[in-house]
Amino acid sequence: MNKNLIKNIEFSKAFDMESLVEYGEGKVISRTLSQGKASSITVFAFDKNEEISSHASAGDAMVHVLDGEAEITIGEEKFNVKKGEVIVMPSGIPHSLLATERFKMLLIVVFKQD
């Protein structure tokens, strides 16, 4: 029996990653593609002015911007990121996100394995 490690997505088909989540008025919409001890992969869509408050992660978090723009704060430093850009938020450092316009991202978090 083949147990897929990636879920909520069609296999053996080319597609635009941005199409996996739709915008919702006043909402943050997410679709988890993989969740495990070593990593997680999630696609998000944020309506304008939606946010994720400051928090620290146990893993390094990489954001690939699929659409729109956001302000990402890592520690005390603010970054304006837009479509096509990638930024990594190191583990243990507080970070937050504010969608300055409608915004979609692919989030990959990699956790330390002992």
N, C-alpha and C. Protein backbone atom coordinates (compact mmCIF):
# COMPACT_ATOMS: atom_id res chain seq x y z
N MET A 1 0.84 -1.18 0.00
CA MET A 1 0.00 0.00 0.00
C MET A 1 0.89 1.25 0.00
N ASN A 2 0.60 2.18 -0.88
CA ASN A 2 1.36 3.42 -1.00
C ASN A 2 0.70 4.51 -0.16
N LYS A 3 1.38 4.96 0.88
CA LYS A 3 0.85 6.04 1.71
C LYS A 3 1.51 7.34 1.26
N ASN A 4 0.71 8.26 0.72
CA ASN A 4 1.25 9.53 0.25
C ASN A 4 1.67 10.40 1.43
N LEU A 5 2.83 11.01 1.31
CA LEU A 5 3.34 11.91 2.33
C LEU A 5 2.85 13.33 2.13
N ILE A 6 2.46 13.64 0.91
CA ILE A 6 1.88 14.93 0.58
C ILE A 6 0.39 14.71 0.35
N LYS A 7 -0.44 15.61 0.90
CA LYS A 7 -1.89 15.45 0.82
C LYS A 7 -2.55 16.73 0.30
N ASN A 8 -3.84 16.64 0.05
CA ASN A 8 -4.66 17.79 -0.35
C ASN A 8 -4.20 18.46 -1.64
N ILE A 9 -3.65 17.63 -2.55
CA ILE A 9 -3.14 18.14 -3.82
C ILE A 9 -3.15 16.99 -4.82
N GLU A 10 -3.39 17.32 -6.09
CA GLU A 10 -3.39 16.28 -7.12
C GLU A 10 -1.96 15.85 -7.44
N PHE A 11 -1.79 14.57 -7.66
CA PHE A 11 -0.50 14.03 -8.04
C PHE A 11 -0.40 13.94 -9.56
N SER A 12 0.82 13.93 -10.07
CA SER A 12 1.11 13.74 -11.50
C SER A 12 0.34 14.72 -12.37
N LYS A 13 0.31 15.98 -11.94
CA LYS A 13 -0.37 17.03 -12.69
C LYS A 13 0.35 18.36 -12.45
N ALA A 14 0.63 19.07 -13.51
CA ALA A 14 1.24 20.40 -13.39
C ALA A 14 0.14 21.42 -13.10
N PHE A 15 0.42 22.36 -12.21
CA PHE A 15 -0.56 23.37 -11.85
C PHE A 15 0.15 24.58 -11.27
N ASP A 16 -0.59 25.65 -11.10
CA ASP A 16 -0.08 26.88 -10.51
C ASP A 16 -0.32 26.80 -8.99
N MET A 17 0.74 26.81 -8.20
CA MET A 17 0.63 26.69 -6.75
C MET A 17 -0.34 27.71 -6.16
N GLU A 18 -0.36 28.90 -6.74
CA GLU A 18 -1.23 29.98 -6.26
C GLU A 18 -2.71 29.59 -6.29
N SER A 19 -3.08 28.67 -7.18
CA SER A 19 -4.49 28.29 -7.33
C SER A 19 -4.99 27.35 -6.23
N LEU A 20 -4.11 26.90 -5.34
CA LEU A 20 -4.52 25.95 -4.30
C LEU A 20 -5.35 26.57 -3.19
N VAL A 21 -5.27 27.89 -3.02
CA VAL A 21 -6.08 28.58 -2.01
C VAL A 21 -6.70 29.82 -2.63
N GLU A 22 -7.94 30.08 -2.26
CA GLU A 22 -8.65 31.28 -2.74
C GLU A 22 -8.71 32.30 -1.62
N TYR A 23 -8.81 33.55 -2.01
CA TYR A 23 -8.97 34.62 -1.03
C TYR A 23 -10.38 34.59 -0.44
N GLY A 24 -10.49 34.98 0.83
CA GLY A 24 -11.77 35.14 1.49
C GLY A 24 -11.79 36.49 2.18
N GLU A 25 -12.90 37.22 2.07
CA GLU A 25 -12.98 38.55 2.65
C GLU A 25 -12.80 38.48 4.17
N GLY A 26 -11.80 39.21 4.67
CA GLY A 26 -11.53 39.26 6.10
C GLY A 26 -10.99 37.96 6.68
N LYS A 27 -10.42 37.10 5.84
CA LYS A 27 -10.00 35.78 6.29
C LYS A 27 -8.55 35.46 5.92
N VAL A 28 -8.04 34.48 6.65
CA VAL A 28 -6.81 33.79 6.29
C VAL A 28 -7.22 32.36 5.98
N ILE A 29 -6.96 31.91 4.76
CA ILE A 29 -7.31 30.56 4.32
C ILE A 29 -6.02 29.77 4.16
N SER A 30 -6.02 28.52 4.62
CA SER A 30 -4.81 27.70 4.47
C SER A 30 -5.16 26.31 3.98
N ARG A 31 -4.18 25.68 3.34
CA ARG A 31 -4.28 24.29 2.91
C ARG A 31 -2.97 23.61 3.27
N THR A 32 -3.04 22.65 4.18
CA THR A 32 -1.86 21.91 4.59
C THR A 32 -1.56 20.83 3.57
N LEU A 33 -0.33 20.81 3.07
CA LEU A 33 0.08 19.81 2.09
C LEU A 33 0.87 18.68 2.74
N SER A 34 1.55 18.98 3.84
CA SER A 34 2.31 17.95 4.55
C SER A 34 2.55 18.44 5.98
N GLN A 35 2.45 17.52 6.93
CA GLN A 35 2.71 17.85 8.34
C GLN A 35 3.37 16.65 8.98
N GLY A 36 4.58 16.86 9.50
CA GLY A 36 5.30 15.76 10.12
C GLY A 36 6.32 16.26 11.12
N LYS A 37 7.06 15.34 11.70
CA LYS A 37 8.08 15.70 12.69
C LYS A 37 9.22 16.50 12.06
N ALA A 38 9.55 16.20 10.80
CA ALA A 38 10.69 16.84 10.15
C ALA A 38 10.35 18.14 9.45
N SER A 39 9.11 18.26 8.96
CA SER A 39 8.75 19.45 8.18
C SER A 39 7.25 19.61 8.07
N SER A 40 6.85 20.81 7.67
CA SER A 40 5.46 21.06 7.31
C SER A 40 5.43 21.95 6.07
N ILE A 41 4.41 21.75 5.24
CA ILE A 41 4.25 22.54 4.02
C ILE A 41 2.79 22.99 3.98
N THR A 42 2.57 24.31 3.90
CA THR A 42 1.22 24.87 3.90
C THR A 42 1.16 26.02 2.91
N VAL A 43 0.03 26.14 2.22
CA VAL A 43 -0.23 27.27 1.33
C VAL A 43 -1.27 28.15 2.02
N PHE A 44 -1.03 29.47 2.03
CA PHE A 44 -1.93 30.41 2.69
C PHE A 44 -2.40 31.49 1.73
N ALA A 45 -3.62 32.00 1.97
CA ALA A 45 -4.14 33.19 1.31
C ALA A 45 -4.64 34.14 2.40
N PHE A 46 -4.13 35.37 2.41
CA PHE A 46 -4.50 36.38 3.40
C PHE A 46 -5.26 37.51 2.70
N ASP A 47 -6.38 37.92 3.25
CA ASP A 47 -7.02 39.13 2.77
C ASP A 47 -6.18 40.32 3.25
N LYS A 48 -6.34 41.45 2.60
CA LYS A 48 -5.60 42.66 2.98
C LYS A 48 -5.83 42.95 4.47
N ASN A 49 -4.75 43.30 5.15
CA ASN A 49 -4.71 43.67 6.57
C ASN A 49 -4.88 42.50 7.53
N GLU A 50 -4.97 41.27 7.04
CA GLU A 50 -4.98 40.11 7.93
C GLU A 50 -3.53 39.84 8.34
N GLU A 51 -3.36 39.20 9.50
CA GLU A 51 -2.01 39.03 10.00
C GLU A 51 -1.85 37.77 10.83
N ILE A 52 -0.60 37.42 11.05
CA ILE A 52 -0.21 36.41 12.03
C ILE A 52 0.62 37.15 13.06
N SER A 53 0.20 37.11 14.31
CA SER A 53 0.89 37.85 15.35
C SER A 53 2.26 37.24 15.65
N SER A 54 3.05 37.99 16.37
CA SER A 54 4.43 37.59 16.65
C SER A 54 4.48 36.28 17.43
N HIS A 55 5.34 35.39 16.96
CA HIS A 55 5.55 34.09 17.59
C HIS A 55 6.92 33.57 17.15
N ALA A 56 7.43 32.58 17.84
CA ALA A 56 8.68 31.93 17.45
C ALA A 56 8.37 30.49 17.09
N SER A 57 9.09 29.95 16.14
CA SER A 57 8.89 28.58 15.68
C SER A 57 10.07 27.72 16.11
N ALA A 58 9.81 26.45 16.30
CA ALA A 58 10.88 25.50 16.63
C ALA A 58 11.68 25.10 15.40
N GLY A 59 11.22 25.52 14.22
CA GLY A 59 11.92 25.20 12.98
C GLY A 59 12.20 26.45 12.16
N ASP A 60 13.11 26.32 11.19
CA ASP A 60 13.35 27.40 10.23
C ASP A 60 12.16 27.44 9.28
N ALA A 61 11.60 28.64 9.08
CA ALA A 61 10.41 28.80 8.25
C ALA A 61 10.76 29.60 7.00
N MET A 62 10.51 29.00 5.83
CA MET A 62 10.77 29.67 4.56
C MET A 62 9.44 30.05 3.91
N VAL A 63 9.31 31.32 3.56
CA VAL A 63 8.12 31.83 2.88
C VAL A 63 8.48 32.11 1.42
N HIS A 64 7.69 31.54 0.50
CA HIS A 64 7.79 31.87 -0.92
C HIS A 64 6.50 32.61 -1.27
N VAL A 65 6.63 33.88 -1.67
CA VAL A 65 5.47 34.70 -1.96
C VAL A 65 4.92 34.33 -3.34
N LEU A 66 3.65 33.90 -3.37
CA LEU A 66 3.00 33.47 -4.60
C LEU A 66 2.20 34.59 -5.26
N ASP A 67 1.73 35.54 -4.44
CA ASP A 67 0.91 36.64 -4.96
C ASP A 67 0.89 37.75 -3.93
N GLY A 68 0.79 38.99 -4.39
CA GLY A 68 0.60 40.12 -3.50
C GLY A 68 1.85 40.54 -2.75
N GLU A 69 1.61 41.22 -1.62
CA GLU A 69 2.71 41.75 -0.81
C GLU A 69 2.38 41.65 0.67
N ALA A 70 3.42 41.54 1.48
CA ALA A 70 3.25 41.50 2.93
C ALA A 70 4.45 42.14 3.60
N GLU A 71 4.23 42.53 4.85
CA GLU A 71 5.32 43.00 5.70
C GLU A 71 5.60 41.88 6.69
N ILE A 72 6.82 41.37 6.66
CA ILE A 72 7.23 40.32 7.58
C ILE A 72 8.26 40.91 8.52
N THR A 73 8.02 40.72 9.80
CA THR A 73 8.95 41.20 10.82
C THR A 73 9.68 39.99 11.40
N ILE A 74 11.00 40.06 11.41
CA ILE A 74 11.84 39.01 11.99
C ILE A 74 12.69 39.70 13.06
N GLY A 75 12.46 39.32 14.32
CA GLY A 75 13.12 40.04 15.41
C GLY A 75 12.62 41.48 15.40
N GLU A 76 13.51 42.42 15.23
CA GLU A 76 13.15 43.85 15.18
C GLU A 76 13.17 44.41 13.76
N GLU A 77 13.50 43.58 12.77
CA GLU A 77 13.67 44.05 11.39
C GLU A 77 12.44 43.75 10.55
N LYS A 78 11.99 44.75 9.77
CA LYS A 78 10.82 44.60 8.90
C LYS A 78 11.27 44.44 7.45
N PHE A 79 10.57 43.53 6.73
CA PHE A 79 10.86 43.27 5.32
C PHE A 79 9.55 43.36 4.55
N ASN A 80 9.57 44.09 3.43
CA ASN A 80 8.43 44.11 2.53
C ASN A 80 8.71 43.11 1.42
N VAL A 81 7.91 42.05 1.37
CA VAL A 81 8.13 40.98 0.40
C VAL A 81 6.99 40.97 -0.60
N LYS A 82 7.33 40.60 -1.84
CA LYS A 82 6.32 40.59 -2.90
C LYS A 82 6.46 39.34 -3.76
N LYS A 83 5.50 39.17 -4.65
CA LYS A 83 5.41 37.99 -5.51
C LYS A 83 6.77 37.62 -6.10
N GLY A 84 7.11 36.34 -5.96
CA GLY A 84 8.36 35.81 -6.51
C GLY A 84 9.51 35.80 -5.52
N GLU A 85 9.37 36.51 -4.40
CA GLU A 85 10.46 36.58 -3.43
C GLU A 85 10.34 35.48 -2.38
N VAL A 86 11.48 35.18 -1.75
CA VAL A 86 11.58 34.17 -0.70
C VAL A 86 12.31 34.81 0.48
N ILE A 87 11.84 34.47 1.70
CA ILE A 87 12.52 34.93 2.91
C ILE A 87 12.49 33.78 3.92
N VAL A 88 13.56 33.66 4.70
CA VAL A 88 13.65 32.61 5.72
C VAL A 88 13.63 33.26 7.09
N MET A 89 12.77 32.73 7.96
CA MET A 89 12.66 33.18 9.34
C MET A 89 13.31 32.11 10.21
N PRO A 90 14.44 32.44 10.86
CA PRO A 90 15.18 31.43 11.63
C PRO A 90 14.39 30.93 12.85
N SER A 91 14.61 29.69 13.21
CA SER A 91 13.96 29.13 14.39
C SER A 91 14.34 29.92 15.64
N GLY A 92 13.40 29.99 16.55
CA GLY A 92 13.66 30.64 17.83
C GLY A 92 13.60 32.16 17.82
N ILE A 93 13.49 32.78 16.65
CA ILE A 93 13.43 34.24 16.55
C ILE A 93 11.97 34.64 16.32
N PRO A 94 11.41 35.52 17.16
CA PRO A 94 10.02 35.94 16.95
C PRO A 94 9.84 36.57 15.57
N HIS A 95 8.71 36.24 14.94
CA HIS A 95 8.39 36.81 13.63
C HIS A 95 6.88 36.98 13.52
N SER A 96 6.47 37.87 12.63
CA SER A 96 5.05 38.14 12.39
C SER A 96 4.86 38.51 10.93
N LEU A 97 3.59 38.56 10.52
CA LEU A 97 3.27 38.84 9.13
C LEU A 97 2.02 39.69 9.06
N LEU A 98 2.04 40.72 8.20
CA LEU A 98 0.88 41.57 7.93
C LEU A 98 0.71 41.65 6.42
N ALA A 99 -0.46 41.27 5.92
CA ALA A 99 -0.74 41.38 4.48
C ALA A 99 -1.05 42.84 4.16
N THR A 100 -0.13 43.51 3.48
CA THR A 100 -0.35 44.91 3.12
C THR A 100 -1.26 45.04 1.91
N GLU A 101 -1.47 43.93 1.22
CA GLU A 101 -2.50 43.77 0.19
C GLU A 101 -2.83 42.28 0.20
N ARG A 102 -3.80 41.85 -0.58
CA ARG A 102 -4.07 40.42 -0.63
C ARG A 102 -2.78 39.69 -0.94
N PHE A 103 -2.57 38.56 -0.28
CA PHE A 103 -1.26 37.94 -0.25
C PHE A 103 -1.39 36.42 -0.16
N LYS A 104 -0.63 35.70 -0.98
CA LYS A 104 -0.57 34.25 -0.91
C LYS A 104 0.88 33.82 -0.73
N MET A 105 1.07 32.75 0.07
CA MET A 105 2.43 32.27 0.29
C MET A 105 2.44 30.76 0.44
N LEU A 106 3.58 30.19 0.08
CA LEU A 106 3.90 28.80 0.37
C LEU A 106 4.84 28.85 1.57
N LEU A 107 4.46 28.18 2.66
CA LEU A 107 5.27 28.15 3.88
C LEU A 107 5.82 26.75 4.07
N ILE A 108 7.15 26.67 4.16
CA ILE A 108 7.83 25.41 4.44
C ILE A 108 8.61 25.58 5.73
N VAL A 109 8.31 24.74 6.72
CA VAL A 109 9.02 24.79 8.00
C VAL A 109 9.79 23.48 8.15
N VAL A 110 11.09 23.61 8.44
CA VAL A 110 11.96 22.44 8.62
C VAL A 110 12.41 22.42 10.08
N PHE A 111 12.17 21.28 10.73
CA PHE A 111 12.46 21.12 12.15
C PHE A 111 13.73 20.31 12.35
N LYS A 112 14.47 20.61 13.41
CA LYS A 112 15.68 19.87 13.76
C LYS A 112 15.29 18.46 14.17
N GLN A 113 16.05 17.50 13.68
CA GLN A 113 15.84 16.09 14.03
C GLN A 113 16.98 15.62 14.92
N ASP A 114 16.67 15.02 16.03
CA ASP A 114 17.69 14.52 16.94
C ASP A 114 18.13 13.13 16.58
